[in-house]
Amino acid sequence: MGNIYTFMAVSAAGVCTLLFLLGAAQLTISKGDQTKVDNGKKLMISALIGLAIILGSYGIIRTVLYFLYEWAP
């Protein structure tokens, strides 16, 4: 259970990181076009929110597994 969840959390965190970098690239390449700037910012903020949710849920799952089974991956 722990290895599967760790793999899923690391994979999702990698996707969030790639989305953040994509938003940063879009922001950089926008050349002042306000809609592209806004889209880049929204993508970066969404990626950070997703990363925070993933890390928070990972911490909660690890804590629950530790207290229920006295085992943490």
N, C-alpha and C. Protein backbone atom coordinates (compact mmCIF):
# COMPACT_ATOMS: atom_id res chain seq x y z
N MET A 1 0.83 -1.19 0.00
CA MET A 1 0.00 0.00 0.00
C MET A 1 0.86 1.25 0.00
N GLY A 2 1.88 1.28 0.81
CA GLY A 2 2.72 2.45 0.92
C GLY A 2 3.52 2.71 -0.34
N ASN A 3 4.02 1.65 -0.96
CA ASN A 3 4.81 1.84 -2.17
C ASN A 3 3.96 2.34 -3.32
N ILE A 4 2.75 1.86 -3.43
CA ILE A 4 1.86 2.30 -4.49
C ILE A 4 1.52 3.78 -4.30
N TYR A 5 1.17 4.15 -3.08
CA TYR A 5 0.80 5.53 -2.82
C TYR A 5 2.00 6.46 -3.00
N THR A 6 3.18 6.02 -2.58
CA THR A 6 4.38 6.83 -2.78
C THR A 6 4.65 7.04 -4.26
N PHE A 7 4.51 5.99 -5.06
CA PHE A 7 4.71 6.11 -6.50
C PHE A 7 3.71 7.08 -7.11
N MET A 8 2.45 6.97 -6.71
CA MET A 8 1.43 7.86 -7.24
C MET A 8 1.68 9.31 -6.84
N ALA A 9 2.09 9.53 -5.60
CA ALA A 9 2.33 10.89 -5.13
C ALA A 9 3.54 11.51 -5.84
N VAL A 10 4.59 10.73 -6.03
CA VAL A 10 5.77 11.24 -6.71
C VAL A 10 5.46 11.53 -8.18
N SER A 11 4.69 10.66 -8.80
CA SER A 11 4.32 10.87 -10.21
C SER A 11 3.46 12.13 -10.36
N ALA A 12 2.49 12.30 -9.48
CA ALA A 12 1.63 13.48 -9.55
C ALA A 12 2.41 14.75 -9.25
N ALA A 13 3.37 14.68 -8.34
CA ALA A 13 4.20 15.84 -8.05
C ALA A 13 5.06 16.19 -9.27
N GLY A 14 5.53 15.18 -9.98
CA GLY A 14 6.29 15.43 -11.20
C GLY A 14 5.44 16.11 -12.27
N VAL A 15 4.19 15.68 -12.39
CA VAL A 15 3.28 16.31 -13.35
C VAL A 15 3.02 17.76 -12.96
N CYS A 16 2.83 18.02 -11.68
CA CYS A 16 2.62 19.40 -11.21
C CYS A 16 3.85 20.26 -11.51
N THR A 17 5.02 19.71 -11.32
CA THR A 17 6.24 20.45 -11.62
C THR A 17 6.34 20.78 -13.10
N LEU A 18 6.01 19.81 -13.95
CA LEU A 18 6.03 20.06 -15.39
C LEU A 18 5.00 21.11 -15.80
N LEU A 19 3.82 21.07 -15.20
CA LEU A 19 2.81 22.07 -15.48
C LEU A 19 3.25 23.45 -15.03
N PHE A 20 3.91 23.53 -13.89
CA PHE A 20 4.43 24.81 -13.41
C PHE A 20 5.47 25.36 -14.39
N LEU A 21 6.36 24.50 -14.86
CA LEU A 21 7.38 24.94 -15.82
C LEU A 21 6.75 25.34 -17.15
N LEU A 22 5.71 24.64 -17.57
CA LEU A 22 4.99 25.00 -18.79
C LEU A 22 4.34 26.38 -18.66
N GLY A 23 3.75 26.64 -17.51
CA GLY A 23 3.17 27.96 -17.25
C GLY A 23 4.22 29.05 -17.24
N ALA A 24 5.38 28.75 -16.66
CA ALA A 24 6.47 29.73 -16.65
C ALA A 24 6.98 30.00 -18.06
N ALA A 25 7.07 28.96 -18.87
CA ALA A 25 7.50 29.14 -20.26
C ALA A 25 6.47 29.95 -21.03
N GLN A 26 5.19 29.66 -20.80
CA GLN A 26 4.14 30.41 -21.48
C GLN A 26 4.17 31.88 -21.06
N LEU A 27 4.45 32.13 -19.81
CA LEU A 27 4.55 33.50 -19.31
C LEU A 27 5.74 34.21 -19.95
N THR A 28 6.84 33.50 -20.11
CA THR A 28 8.05 34.10 -20.67
C THR A 28 7.89 34.37 -22.16
N ILE A 29 7.25 33.46 -22.88
CA ILE A 29 7.13 33.56 -24.32
C ILE A 29 5.95 34.45 -24.75
N SER A 30 5.15 34.93 -23.82
CA SER A 30 3.91 35.65 -24.15
C SER A 30 4.14 36.95 -24.91
N LYS A 31 5.30 37.55 -24.79
CA LYS A 31 5.63 38.81 -25.48
C LYS A 31 4.64 39.92 -25.16
N GLY A 32 4.15 39.93 -23.96
CA GLY A 32 3.27 41.00 -23.51
C GLY A 32 1.80 40.81 -23.81
N ASP A 33 1.42 39.73 -24.49
CA ASP A 33 0.01 39.45 -24.77
C ASP A 33 -0.67 39.11 -23.45
N GLN A 34 -1.62 39.94 -23.05
CA GLN A 34 -2.21 39.83 -21.71
C GLN A 34 -2.94 38.50 -21.50
N THR A 35 -3.58 37.95 -22.51
CA THR A 35 -4.29 36.68 -22.33
C THR A 35 -3.30 35.54 -22.09
N LYS A 36 -2.17 35.55 -22.78
CA LYS A 36 -1.16 34.52 -22.56
C LYS A 36 -0.50 34.67 -21.19
N VAL A 37 -0.30 35.91 -20.77
CA VAL A 37 0.26 36.17 -19.44
C VAL A 37 -0.69 35.63 -18.37
N ASP A 38 -1.98 35.93 -18.53
CA ASP A 38 -2.97 35.45 -17.56
C ASP A 38 -3.06 33.93 -17.55
N ASN A 39 -3.03 33.31 -18.73
CA ASN A 39 -3.08 31.85 -18.80
C ASN A 39 -1.86 31.22 -18.15
N GLY A 40 -0.68 31.80 -18.36
CA GLY A 40 0.54 31.29 -17.73
C GLY A 40 0.48 31.39 -16.22
N LYS A 41 -0.01 32.52 -15.72
CA LYS A 41 -0.14 32.71 -14.28
C LYS A 41 -1.13 31.72 -13.67
N LYS A 42 -2.27 31.55 -14.35
CA LYS A 42 -3.28 30.62 -13.85
C LYS A 42 -2.74 29.19 -13.81
N LEU A 43 -1.98 28.82 -14.84
CA LEU A 43 -1.41 27.47 -14.89
C LEU A 43 -0.40 27.27 -13.76
N MET A 44 0.42 28.27 -13.51
CA MET A 44 1.41 28.16 -12.43
C MET A 44 0.74 28.08 -11.06
N ILE A 45 -0.28 28.90 -10.84
CA ILE A 45 -0.98 28.88 -9.56
C ILE A 45 -1.71 27.55 -9.37
N SER A 46 -2.35 27.06 -10.42
CA SER A 46 -3.05 25.77 -10.32
C SER A 46 -2.08 24.63 -10.02
N ALA A 47 -0.90 24.67 -10.64
CA ALA A 47 0.10 23.63 -10.38
C ALA A 47 0.57 23.67 -8.93
N LEU A 48 0.77 24.86 -8.39
CA LEU A 48 1.19 24.97 -6.99
C LEU A 48 0.09 24.50 -6.03
N ILE A 49 -1.15 24.82 -6.34
CA ILE A 49 -2.26 24.36 -5.50
C ILE A 49 -2.35 22.84 -5.55
N GLY A 50 -2.22 22.27 -6.74
CA GLY A 50 -2.24 20.82 -6.89
C GLY A 50 -1.10 20.16 -6.12
N LEU A 51 0.08 20.75 -6.18
CA LEU A 51 1.23 20.21 -5.44
C LEU A 51 0.99 20.25 -3.94
N ALA A 52 0.40 21.34 -3.46
CA ALA A 52 0.11 21.45 -2.03
C ALA A 52 -0.91 20.39 -1.60
N ILE A 53 -1.92 20.14 -2.43
CA ILE A 53 -2.91 19.12 -2.12
C ILE A 53 -2.27 17.74 -2.09
N ILE A 54 -1.41 17.46 -3.06
CA ILE A 54 -0.74 16.16 -3.12
C ILE A 54 0.15 15.94 -1.89
N LEU A 55 0.96 16.94 -1.56
CA LEU A 55 1.85 16.79 -0.40
C LEU A 55 1.07 16.68 0.90
N GLY A 56 -0.03 17.43 1.02
CA GLY A 56 -0.86 17.35 2.22
C GLY A 56 -1.51 15.98 2.37
N SER A 57 -2.05 15.46 1.27
CA SER A 57 -2.68 14.15 1.35
C SER A 57 -1.66 13.05 1.61
N TYR A 58 -0.46 13.20 1.06
CA TYR A 58 0.59 12.23 1.33
C TYR A 58 0.95 12.21 2.82
N GLY A 59 1.06 13.39 3.41
CA GLY A 59 1.35 13.47 4.84
C GLY A 59 0.25 12.88 5.70
N ILE A 60 -1.00 13.14 5.32
CA ILE A 60 -2.13 12.59 6.08
C ILE A 60 -2.16 11.07 5.98
N ILE A 61 -1.97 10.52 4.79
CA ILE A 61 -1.98 9.07 4.60
C ILE A 61 -0.86 8.42 5.40
N ARG A 62 0.33 9.01 5.37
CA ARG A 62 1.45 8.45 6.13
C ARG A 62 1.16 8.47 7.63
N THR A 63 0.55 9.55 8.11
CA THR A 63 0.23 9.65 9.53
C THR A 63 -0.82 8.61 9.92
N VAL A 64 -1.85 8.46 9.11
CA VAL A 64 -2.89 7.48 9.40
C VAL A 64 -2.31 6.07 9.40
N LEU A 65 -1.49 5.75 8.40
CA LEU A 65 -0.88 4.42 8.36
C LEU A 65 0.01 4.19 9.57
N TYR A 66 0.72 5.21 10.00
CA TYR A 66 1.59 5.05 11.16
C TYR A 66 0.78 4.77 12.42
N PHE A 67 -0.28 5.53 12.64
CA PHE A 67 -1.05 5.36 13.88
C PHE A 67 -1.93 4.11 13.84
N LEU A 68 -2.42 3.73 12.69
CA LEU A 68 -3.27 2.53 12.62
C LEU A 68 -2.45 1.24 12.66
N TYR A 69 -1.37 1.23 11.94
CA TYR A 69 -0.60 0.00 11.78
C TYR A 69 0.81 0.08 12.34
N GLU A 70 1.16 1.21 12.92
CA GLU A 70 2.52 1.46 13.41
C GLU A 70 3.54 1.12 12.34
N TRP A 71 3.20 1.55 11.12
CA TRP A 71 4.07 1.29 9.98
C TRP A 71 3.99 2.50 9.06
N ALA A 72 5.11 2.95 8.63
CA ALA A 72 5.14 4.06 7.67
C ALA A 72 6.14 3.70 6.57
N PRO A 73 5.76 3.91 5.34
CA PRO A 73 6.66 3.57 4.23
C PRO A 73 7.88 4.46 4.20
